[in-house]
């Protein structure tokens, strides 16, 4: 049995994937703003999320998201830390940057889980 990781944040896995829009806000340290992309959130925590999209994003990509959870609009920004191709789409792991309010994410998730 593996030890419990107390540092690992609460992660909510959506039973039905949750729609999101996003744009690329930077690649390899260069700031930019792409056209909006669409995807679905597979899971979400105070520290990051898992995203599914048909878009093949470049390495070292920063993404800015917009989505609503339990009537709370959230706009986290994060860095893609891993990528996997699955059934013609891409799954990404995204770690949020320090500007993202993790407490607001957790509060919205708790309200969503109660509904």
Protein backbone atom coordinates (compact mmCIF):
# COMPACT_ATOMS: atom_id res chain seq x y z
CA UNK A 1 0.00 0.00 0.00
CA UNK A 2 1.38 3.42 -0.93
CA UNK A 3 1.64 6.14 1.73
CA UNK A 4 -1.00 8.89 1.84
CA UNK A 5 0.27 12.14 0.32
CA UNK A 6 -0.85 14.95 2.62
CA UNK A 7 0.66 17.61 0.32
CA UNK A 8 -1.49 16.49 -2.60
CA UNK A 9 -4.49 18.82 -3.02
CA UNK A 10 -8.14 17.74 -3.08
CA UNK A 11 -8.95 16.66 -6.64
CA UNK A 12 -12.53 16.46 -7.96
CA UNK A 13 -13.09 14.01 -10.82
CA UNK A 14 -16.08 15.03 -12.92
CA UNK A 15 -18.50 12.18 -13.64
CA UNK A 16 -19.61 14.13 -16.70
CA UNK A 17 -16.72 16.11 -18.23
CA UNK A 18 -17.15 19.86 -17.72
CA UNK A 19 -16.83 22.21 -20.74
CA UNK A 20 -14.14 24.87 -20.76
CA UNK A 21 -12.64 27.39 -23.12
CA UNK A 22 -9.01 28.41 -23.07
CA UNK A 23 -6.36 30.23 -25.00
CA UNK A 24 -2.61 29.92 -25.20
CA UNK A 25 -1.12 32.75 -23.13
CA UNK A 26 2.51 31.81 -23.68
CA UNK A 27 4.87 29.32 -25.29
CA UNK A 28 8.43 28.71 -24.07
CA UNK A 29 8.43 31.96 -22.08
CA UNK A 30 7.03 34.15 -24.87
CA UNK A 31 3.74 35.91 -24.10
CA UNK A 32 0.96 35.70 -26.69
CA UNK A 33 -2.79 35.23 -27.01
CA UNK A 34 -4.17 32.62 -29.37
CA UNK A 35 -7.69 32.19 -30.64
CA UNK A 36 -9.96 30.48 -28.07
CA UNK A 37 -9.89 26.69 -27.92
CA UNK A 38 -12.50 24.30 -26.55
CA UNK A 39 -12.03 21.33 -24.29
CA UNK A 40 -13.44 19.49 -21.32
CA UNK A 41 -12.21 19.31 -17.75
CA UNK A 42 -11.76 15.74 -16.57
CA UNK A 43 -10.69 16.70 -13.06
CA UNK A 44 -9.89 19.82 -11.08
CA UNK A 45 -8.04 20.75 -7.89
CA UNK A 46 -6.65 23.87 -6.24
CA UNK A 47 -3.32 23.14 -7.91
CA UNK A 48 -4.29 22.16 -11.44
CA UNK A 49 -6.53 20.27 -13.82
CA UNK A 50 -6.72 17.56 -16.44
CA UNK A 51 -7.94 18.71 -19.87
CA UNK A 52 -9.15 16.79 -22.94
CA UNK A 53 -9.12 18.59 -26.30
CA UNK A 54 -8.62 17.71 -29.96
CA UNK A 55 -5.85 20.34 -30.16
CA UNK A 56 -2.20 19.26 -30.24
CA UNK A 57 -0.57 21.98 -28.12
CA UNK A 58 3.16 22.80 -28.25
CA UNK A 59 5.54 21.92 -25.40
CA UNK A 60 6.02 24.47 -22.59
CA UNK A 61 2.58 26.02 -23.16
CA UNK A 62 0.83 28.35 -20.71
CA UNK A 63 -2.97 28.21 -20.88
CA UNK A 64 -5.59 30.65 -19.58
CA UNK A 65 -8.97 29.04 -18.87
CA UNK A 66 -12.51 30.30 -18.36
CA UNK A 67 -15.21 28.07 -16.87
CA UNK A 68 -18.03 28.20 -14.35
CA UNK A 69 -18.34 25.83 -11.40
CA UNK A 70 -21.40 26.18 -9.12
CA UNK A 71 -22.19 29.71 -10.36
CA UNK A 72 -18.57 30.80 -9.76
CA UNK A 73 -16.60 31.93 -12.80
CA UNK A 74 -13.01 30.78 -12.56
CA UNK A 75 -10.14 31.97 -14.76
CA UNK A 76 -7.06 29.97 -13.78
CA UNK A 77 -3.75 30.12 -15.63
CA UNK A 78 -1.42 27.16 -15.79
CA UNK A 79 1.46 25.37 -17.48
CA UNK A 80 1.06 22.13 -19.38
CA UNK A 81 3.24 19.59 -17.52
CA UNK A 82 2.37 16.43 -19.42
CA UNK A 83 0.54 15.31 -22.55
CA UNK A 84 -0.90 12.01 -23.78
CA UNK A 85 -2.67 11.12 -27.03
CA UNK A 86 -5.81 9.06 -26.54
CA UNK A 87 -8.43 8.04 -29.12
CA UNK A 88 -7.60 10.88 -31.52
CA UNK A 89 -7.62 13.56 -28.81
CA UNK A 90 -5.07 14.87 -26.34
CA UNK A 91 -5.15 14.71 -22.55
CA UNK A 92 -3.10 17.36 -20.72
CA UNK A 93 -2.03 17.79 -17.13
CA UNK A 94 -1.93 21.47 -16.18
CA UNK A 95 -0.37 22.94 -13.01
CA UNK A 96 -1.78 26.34 -12.02
CA UNK A 97 0.56 29.29 -11.53
CA UNK A 98 0.76 31.46 -8.42
CA UNK A 99 -1.88 33.94 -9.70
CA UNK A 100 -4.62 31.30 -9.51
CA UNK A 101 -6.72 31.44 -6.33
CA UNK A 102 -6.73 27.80 -5.22
CA UNK A 103 -9.10 28.57 -2.35
CA UNK A 104 -11.73 29.88 -4.80
CA UNK A 105 -11.37 26.68 -6.83
CA UNK A 106 -11.88 24.47 -3.75
CA UNK A 107 -14.85 26.55 -2.56
CA UNK A 108 -16.53 26.27 -5.99
CA UNK A 109 -15.85 22.50 -6.12
CA UNK A 110 -17.38 21.96 -2.68
CA UNK A 111 -20.52 23.85 -3.74
CA UNK A 112 -20.64 21.86 -7.00
CA UNK A 113 -20.29 18.53 -5.17
CA UNK A 114 -23.18 19.39 -2.84
CA UNK A 115 -25.55 20.25 -5.72
